[in-house]
């Protein structure tokens, strides 16, 4: 509360005509950051961690809407031996067809829910 009172006191001083707009722009940026930028970056990081954890047997949905079961994961390496995480090739089986997709094109992973002991 003392910070709010101090800023209000600074805004009321007649010689600080520039301080009001600077405070206002800072407040607008803070609102945009906490409402738009931060949640989107958090969601993107969670999605990347989820698709990096794809393993054989998982059912996935691609960005194009193709649904299939992962049967093989091949990692792509740079010339220096470091992996390129979102360009890995994943082979999926959809009905009778086998399709190779890039890991970065996975929209979501469908994992069956395990029944709990209470449901059982």
N, C-alpha and C. Protein backbone atom coordinates (compact mmCIF):
# COMPACT_ATOMS: atom_id res chain seq x y z
N UNK A 1 0.82 -1.19 0.00
CA UNK A 1 0.00 0.00 0.00
C UNK A 1 0.86 1.26 0.00
N UNK A 2 2.02 1.23 0.62
CA UNK A 2 2.86 2.42 0.68
C UNK A 2 3.38 2.79 -0.70
N UNK A 3 3.61 1.76 -1.58
CA UNK A 3 4.05 2.03 -2.94
C UNK A 3 2.99 2.81 -3.70
N UNK A 4 1.72 2.42 -3.53
CA UNK A 4 0.62 3.11 -4.21
C UNK A 4 0.51 4.56 -3.73
N UNK A 5 0.66 4.76 -2.42
CA UNK A 5 0.59 6.12 -1.89
C UNK A 5 1.76 6.97 -2.38
N UNK A 6 2.93 6.35 -2.48
CA UNK A 6 4.10 7.10 -2.95
C UNK A 6 3.94 7.50 -4.41
N UNK A 7 3.42 6.61 -5.23
CA UNK A 7 3.22 6.97 -6.64
C UNK A 7 2.13 8.02 -6.80
N UNK A 8 1.08 7.92 -5.99
CA UNK A 8 0.05 8.95 -6.05
C UNK A 8 0.60 10.30 -5.60
N UNK A 9 1.47 10.29 -4.61
CA UNK A 9 2.06 11.54 -4.15
C UNK A 9 2.97 12.14 -5.22
N UNK A 10 3.72 11.29 -5.93
CA UNK A 10 4.58 11.79 -7.01
C UNK A 10 3.76 12.34 -8.18
N UNK A 11 2.62 11.73 -8.43
CA UNK A 11 1.79 12.20 -9.53
C UNK A 11 1.15 13.55 -9.24
N UNK A 12 0.98 13.87 -7.97
CA UNK A 12 0.33 15.12 -7.62
C UNK A 12 1.29 16.30 -7.53
N UNK A 13 2.59 16.03 -7.59
CA UNK A 13 3.56 17.12 -7.55
C UNK A 13 3.47 17.90 -8.87
N UNK A 14 3.34 19.24 -8.84
CA UNK A 14 3.11 19.99 -10.07
C UNK A 14 4.28 19.96 -11.05
N UNK A 15 5.49 19.72 -10.65
CA UNK A 15 6.64 19.76 -11.55
C UNK A 15 6.84 18.47 -12.34
N UNK A 16 6.12 17.43 -12.04
CA UNK A 16 6.31 16.13 -12.70
C UNK A 16 5.19 15.86 -13.71
N UNK A 17 5.15 16.61 -14.77
CA UNK A 17 4.12 16.43 -15.79
C UNK A 17 4.33 15.19 -16.65
N UNK A 18 5.56 14.69 -16.74
CA UNK A 18 5.87 13.51 -17.55
C UNK A 18 5.66 12.21 -16.81
N UNK A 19 5.62 12.27 -15.50
CA UNK A 19 5.55 11.04 -14.71
C UNK A 19 4.21 10.32 -14.87
N UNK A 20 3.13 11.04 -15.03
CA UNK A 20 1.80 10.45 -15.19
C UNK A 20 1.69 9.55 -16.42
N UNK A 21 2.04 10.04 -17.62
CA UNK A 21 1.96 9.19 -18.81
C UNK A 21 2.91 7.99 -18.76
N UNK A 22 4.10 8.19 -18.18
CA UNK A 22 5.05 7.07 -18.07
C UNK A 22 4.47 5.98 -17.17
N UNK A 23 3.88 6.37 -16.05
CA UNK A 23 3.25 5.41 -15.15
C UNK A 23 2.08 4.71 -15.85
N UNK A 24 1.29 5.46 -16.61
CA UNK A 24 0.15 4.89 -17.32
C UNK A 24 0.60 3.86 -18.36
N UNK A 25 1.65 4.19 -19.17
CA UNK A 25 2.15 3.24 -20.16
C UNK A 25 2.75 2.00 -19.51
N UNK A 26 3.42 2.20 -18.39
CA UNK A 26 3.97 1.06 -17.66
C UNK A 26 2.86 0.16 -17.15
N UNK A 27 1.78 0.74 -16.65
CA UNK A 27 0.65 -0.05 -16.16
C UNK A 27 -0.02 -0.80 -17.30
N UNK A 28 -0.16 -0.17 -18.46
CA UNK A 28 -0.76 -0.84 -19.62
C UNK A 28 0.11 -2.00 -20.07
N UNK A 29 1.43 -1.80 -20.11
CA UNK A 29 2.33 -2.89 -20.49
C UNK A 29 2.24 -4.05 -19.49
N UNK A 30 2.18 -3.73 -18.20
CA UNK A 30 2.07 -4.78 -17.18
C UNK A 30 0.78 -5.58 -17.35
N UNK A 31 -0.31 -4.89 -17.65
CA UNK A 31 -1.59 -5.58 -17.87
C UNK A 31 -1.49 -6.50 -19.08
N UNK A 32 -0.94 -6.00 -20.20
CA UNK A 32 -0.78 -6.85 -21.38
C UNK A 32 0.12 -8.04 -21.09
N UNK A 33 1.19 -7.81 -20.34
CA UNK A 33 2.12 -8.90 -20.05
C UNK A 33 1.44 -10.00 -19.25
N UNK A 34 0.75 -9.63 -18.17
CA UNK A 34 0.16 -10.64 -17.29
C UNK A 34 -1.11 -11.26 -17.85
N UNK A 35 -1.80 -10.60 -18.78
CA UNK A 35 -3.03 -11.16 -19.33
C UNK A 35 -2.79 -11.88 -20.65
N UNK A 36 -1.89 -11.40 -21.49
CA UNK A 36 -1.70 -11.99 -22.82
C UNK A 36 -0.36 -12.72 -23.00
N UNK A 37 0.74 -12.04 -22.76
CA UNK A 37 2.05 -12.58 -23.13
C UNK A 37 2.46 -13.75 -22.23
N UNK A 38 2.37 -13.59 -20.95
CA UNK A 38 2.83 -14.64 -20.02
C UNK A 38 2.03 -15.93 -20.14
N UNK A 39 0.70 -15.90 -20.17
CA UNK A 39 -0.04 -17.15 -20.31
C UNK A 39 0.24 -17.87 -21.63
N UNK A 40 0.41 -17.11 -22.73
CA UNK A 40 0.68 -17.75 -24.02
C UNK A 40 2.05 -18.41 -24.03
N UNK A 41 3.06 -17.77 -23.46
CA UNK A 41 4.38 -18.38 -23.44
C UNK A 41 4.39 -19.60 -22.52
N UNK A 42 3.66 -19.55 -21.43
CA UNK A 42 3.56 -20.71 -20.53
C UNK A 42 2.88 -21.88 -21.23
N UNK A 43 1.80 -21.60 -21.97
CA UNK A 43 1.09 -22.65 -22.69
C UNK A 43 1.96 -23.23 -23.80
N UNK A 44 2.74 -22.40 -24.48
CA UNK A 44 3.63 -22.87 -25.54
C UNK A 44 4.71 -23.79 -24.97
N UNK A 45 5.29 -23.42 -23.83
CA UNK A 45 6.31 -24.25 -23.20
C UNK A 45 5.74 -25.59 -22.75
N UNK A 46 4.53 -25.59 -22.20
CA UNK A 46 3.89 -26.84 -21.79
C UNK A 46 3.64 -27.74 -22.99
N UNK A 47 3.18 -27.15 -24.11
CA UNK A 47 2.92 -27.93 -25.32
C UNK A 47 4.20 -28.53 -25.88
N UNK A 48 5.29 -27.73 -25.91
CA UNK A 48 6.56 -28.24 -26.40
C UNK A 48 7.08 -29.38 -25.53
N UNK A 49 6.93 -29.25 -24.22
CA UNK A 49 7.36 -30.33 -23.32
C UNK A 49 6.53 -31.58 -23.54
N UNK A 50 5.24 -31.41 -23.81
CA UNK A 50 4.36 -32.54 -24.05
C UNK A 50 4.73 -33.28 -25.34
N UNK A 51 5.00 -32.54 -26.42
CA UNK A 51 5.31 -33.23 -27.67
C UNK A 51 6.73 -33.78 -27.69
N UNK A 52 7.60 -33.25 -26.84
CA UNK A 52 8.94 -33.86 -26.73
C UNK A 52 8.87 -35.21 -26.02
N UNK A 53 7.84 -35.42 -25.22
CA UNK A 53 7.70 -36.65 -24.46
C UNK A 53 6.93 -37.73 -25.22
N UNK A 54 6.68 -37.51 -26.51
CA UNK A 54 5.95 -38.51 -27.30
C UNK A 54 6.79 -39.78 -27.40
N UNK A 55 6.14 -40.89 -27.17
CA UNK A 55 6.83 -42.17 -27.26
C UNK A 55 5.97 -43.15 -28.05
N UNK A 56 6.56 -44.29 -28.35
CA UNK A 56 5.87 -45.32 -29.11
C UNK A 56 4.62 -45.77 -28.36
N UNK A 57 3.52 -45.89 -29.08
CA UNK A 57 2.26 -46.31 -28.49
C UNK A 57 1.30 -45.18 -28.19
N UNK A 58 1.78 -43.94 -28.16
CA UNK A 58 0.90 -42.80 -27.91
C UNK A 58 0.02 -42.55 -29.13
N UNK A 59 -1.20 -42.11 -28.88
CA UNK A 59 -2.08 -41.71 -29.97
C UNK A 59 -2.00 -40.20 -30.10
N UNK A 60 -1.75 -39.71 -31.32
CA UNK A 60 -1.57 -38.28 -31.52
C UNK A 60 -2.56 -37.76 -32.56
N UNK A 61 -2.75 -36.45 -32.53
CA UNK A 61 -3.54 -35.74 -33.53
C UNK A 61 -2.63 -34.67 -34.11
N UNK A 62 -2.47 -34.67 -35.43
CA UNK A 62 -1.61 -33.69 -36.08
C UNK A 62 -2.37 -32.39 -36.30
N UNK A 63 -1.63 -31.36 -36.70
CA UNK A 63 -2.25 -30.06 -36.97
C UNK A 63 -3.23 -30.15 -38.13
N UNK A 64 -3.02 -31.09 -39.03
CA UNK A 64 -3.93 -31.28 -40.16
C UNK A 64 -5.14 -32.13 -39.83
N UNK A 65 -5.20 -32.69 -38.62
CA UNK A 65 -6.35 -33.48 -38.21
C UNK A 65 -6.16 -34.97 -38.35
N UNK A 66 -4.98 -35.43 -38.72
CA UNK A 66 -4.70 -36.85 -38.87
C UNK A 66 -4.51 -37.47 -37.49
N UNK A 67 -5.23 -38.56 -37.24
CA UNK A 67 -5.14 -39.24 -35.96
C UNK A 67 -4.45 -40.57 -36.18
N UNK A 68 -3.49 -40.88 -35.33
CA UNK A 68 -2.80 -42.15 -35.49
C UNK A 68 -1.99 -42.51 -34.26
N UNK A 69 -1.47 -43.74 -34.27
CA UNK A 69 -0.67 -44.25 -33.17
C UNK A 69 0.80 -44.18 -33.55
N UNK A 70 1.64 -43.70 -32.65
CA UNK A 70 3.07 -43.58 -32.90
C UNK A 70 3.68 -44.98 -32.91
N UNK A 71 4.39 -45.30 -34.01
CA UNK A 71 5.06 -46.60 -34.07
C UNK A 71 6.57 -46.47 -34.14
N UNK A 72 7.08 -45.27 -34.46
CA UNK A 72 8.53 -45.08 -34.50
C UNK A 72 8.86 -43.59 -34.37
N UNK A 73 9.93 -43.29 -33.60
CA UNK A 73 10.39 -41.92 -33.44
C UNK A 73 11.86 -41.88 -33.87
N UNK A 74 12.17 -40.99 -34.83
CA UNK A 74 13.55 -40.83 -35.29
C UNK A 74 13.97 -39.40 -35.03
N UNK A 75 15.04 -39.24 -34.24
CA UNK A 75 15.51 -37.90 -33.90
C UNK A 75 16.39 -37.35 -35.00
N UNK A 76 16.26 -36.05 -35.25
CA UNK A 76 17.08 -35.35 -36.24
C UNK A 76 18.24 -34.69 -35.51
N UNK A 77 19.43 -34.87 -36.03
CA UNK A 77 20.63 -34.30 -35.41
C UNK A 77 21.26 -33.26 -36.32
N UNK A 78 21.84 -32.22 -35.71
CA UNK A 78 22.62 -31.24 -36.45
C UNK A 78 23.98 -31.84 -36.78
N UNK A 79 24.76 -31.12 -37.55
CA UNK A 79 26.09 -31.60 -37.93
C UNK A 79 27.00 -31.77 -36.72
N UNK A 80 26.78 -30.96 -35.67
CA UNK A 80 27.64 -31.08 -34.49
C UNK A 80 27.13 -32.11 -33.49
N UNK A 81 26.04 -32.80 -33.81
CA UNK A 81 25.54 -33.87 -32.96
C UNK A 81 24.47 -33.48 -31.96
N UNK A 82 24.05 -32.21 -31.96
CA UNK A 82 22.99 -31.79 -31.06
C UNK A 82 21.64 -32.03 -31.71
N UNK A 83 20.64 -32.44 -30.93
CA UNK A 83 19.32 -32.73 -31.53
C UNK A 83 18.57 -31.46 -31.91
N UNK A 84 17.76 -31.57 -32.96
CA UNK A 84 16.84 -30.51 -33.37
C UNK A 84 15.47 -30.97 -32.91
N UNK A 85 14.95 -30.43 -31.80
CA UNK A 85 13.82 -31.05 -31.12
C UNK A 85 12.51 -31.10 -31.90
N UNK A 86 12.15 -30.08 -32.65
CA UNK A 86 10.83 -30.06 -33.28
C UNK A 86 10.85 -30.55 -34.72
N UNK A 87 12.00 -30.96 -35.23
CA UNK A 87 12.07 -31.46 -36.60
C UNK A 87 12.25 -32.97 -36.64
N UNK A 88 12.09 -33.63 -35.50
CA UNK A 88 12.19 -35.09 -35.47
C UNK A 88 11.07 -35.68 -36.32
N UNK A 89 11.35 -36.80 -36.93
CA UNK A 89 10.36 -37.50 -37.75
C UNK A 89 9.69 -38.56 -36.91
N UNK A 90 8.37 -38.59 -36.96
CA UNK A 90 7.59 -39.57 -36.22
C UNK A 90 6.73 -40.33 -37.21
N UNK A 91 6.81 -41.64 -37.16
CA UNK A 91 5.98 -42.48 -38.03
C UNK A 91 4.75 -42.88 -37.24
N UNK A 92 3.59 -42.63 -37.83
CA UNK A 92 2.34 -43.00 -37.18
C UNK A 92 1.56 -43.95 -38.06
N UNK A 93 0.74 -44.75 -37.42
CA UNK A 93 -0.12 -45.69 -38.14
C UNK A 93 -1.55 -45.21 -37.96
N UNK A 94 -2.19 -44.93 -39.09
CA UNK A 94 -3.56 -44.48 -39.09
C UNK A 94 -4.34 -45.42 -40.00
N UNK A 95 -5.20 -46.23 -39.41
CA UNK A 95 -5.92 -47.29 -40.13
C UNK A 95 -4.89 -48.23 -40.75
N UNK A 96 -4.86 -48.36 -42.08
CA UNK A 96 -3.90 -49.24 -42.74
C UNK A 96 -2.70 -48.49 -43.30
N UNK A 97 -2.65 -47.20 -43.13
CA UNK A 97 -1.56 -46.40 -43.71
C UNK A 97 -0.54 -46.02 -42.65
N UNK A 98 0.70 -45.88 -43.10
CA UNK A 98 1.76 -45.36 -42.23
C UNK A 98 2.19 -44.01 -42.79
N UNK A 99 2.26 -43.03 -41.91
CA UNK A 99 2.55 -41.66 -42.32
C UNK A 99 3.70 -41.14 -41.47
N UNK A 100 4.61 -40.38 -42.10
CA UNK A 100 5.71 -39.75 -41.37
C UNK A 100 5.38 -38.27 -41.22
N UNK A 101 5.41 -37.80 -39.97
CA UNK A 101 5.13 -36.39 -39.69
C UNK A 101 6.27 -35.82 -38.85
N UNK A 102 6.39 -34.50 -38.87
CA UNK A 102 7.36 -33.84 -38.00
C UNK A 102 6.76 -33.68 -36.62
N UNK A 103 7.62 -33.76 -35.62
CA UNK A 103 7.16 -33.66 -34.23
C UNK A 103 6.50 -32.30 -33.97
N UNK A 104 6.96 -31.26 -34.62
CA UNK A 104 6.41 -29.93 -34.42
C UNK A 104 4.99 -29.77 -34.95
N UNK A 105 4.52 -30.70 -35.77
CA UNK A 105 3.17 -30.62 -36.33
C UNK A 105 2.14 -31.36 -35.49
N UNK A 106 2.55 -31.87 -34.34
CA UNK A 106 1.60 -32.56 -33.46
C UNK A 106 0.78 -31.52 -32.72
N UNK A 107 -0.53 -31.62 -32.83
CA UNK A 107 -1.41 -30.68 -32.16
C UNK A 107 -1.68 -31.11 -30.72
N UNK A 108 -1.93 -32.40 -30.51
CA UNK A 108 -2.18 -32.89 -29.15
C UNK A 108 -1.92 -34.38 -29.08
N UNK A 109 -1.78 -34.85 -27.87
CA UNK A 109 -1.56 -36.27 -27.60
C UNK A 109 -2.77 -36.79 -26.84
N UNK A 110 -3.32 -37.88 -27.33
CA UNK A 110 -4.49 -38.48 -26.68
C UNK A 110 -3.98 -39.67 -25.90
N UNK A 111 -4.02 -39.56 -24.59
CA UNK A 111 -3.60 -40.67 -23.73
C UNK A 111 -4.83 -41.19 -23.00
N UNK A 112 -5.02 -42.49 -22.99
CA UNK A 112 -6.18 -43.04 -22.27
C UNK A 112 -6.02 -42.81 -20.78
N UNK A 113 -7.12 -42.47 -20.14
CA UNK A 113 -7.09 -42.24 -18.71
C UNK A 113 -7.12 -43.57 -17.99
N UNK A 114 -6.25 -43.71 -17.00
CA UNK A 114 -6.23 -44.95 -16.23
C UNK A 114 -7.29 -44.87 -15.14
N UNK A 115 -8.06 -45.94 -14.96
CA UNK A 115 -9.09 -45.90 -13.93
C UNK A 115 -8.48 -45.88 -12.53
N UNK A 116 -9.08 -45.12 -11.64
CA UNK A 116 -8.58 -45.04 -10.27
C UNK A 116 -9.15 -46.19 -9.46
N UNK A 117 -8.65 -46.38 -8.26
CA UNK A 117 -9.09 -47.48 -7.41
C UNK A 117 -10.55 -47.30 -6.98
N UNK A 118 -11.02 -46.06 -6.87
CA UNK A 118 -12.40 -45.80 -6.45
C UNK A 118 -13.39 -46.20 -7.53
N UNK A 119 -12.99 -46.07 -8.81
CA UNK A 119 -13.89 -46.41 -9.91
C UNK A 119 -13.99 -47.92 -10.11
N UNK A 120 -12.91 -48.62 -9.82
CA UNK A 120 -12.72 -49.90 -10.09
C UNK A 120 -13.23 -51.15 -10.07
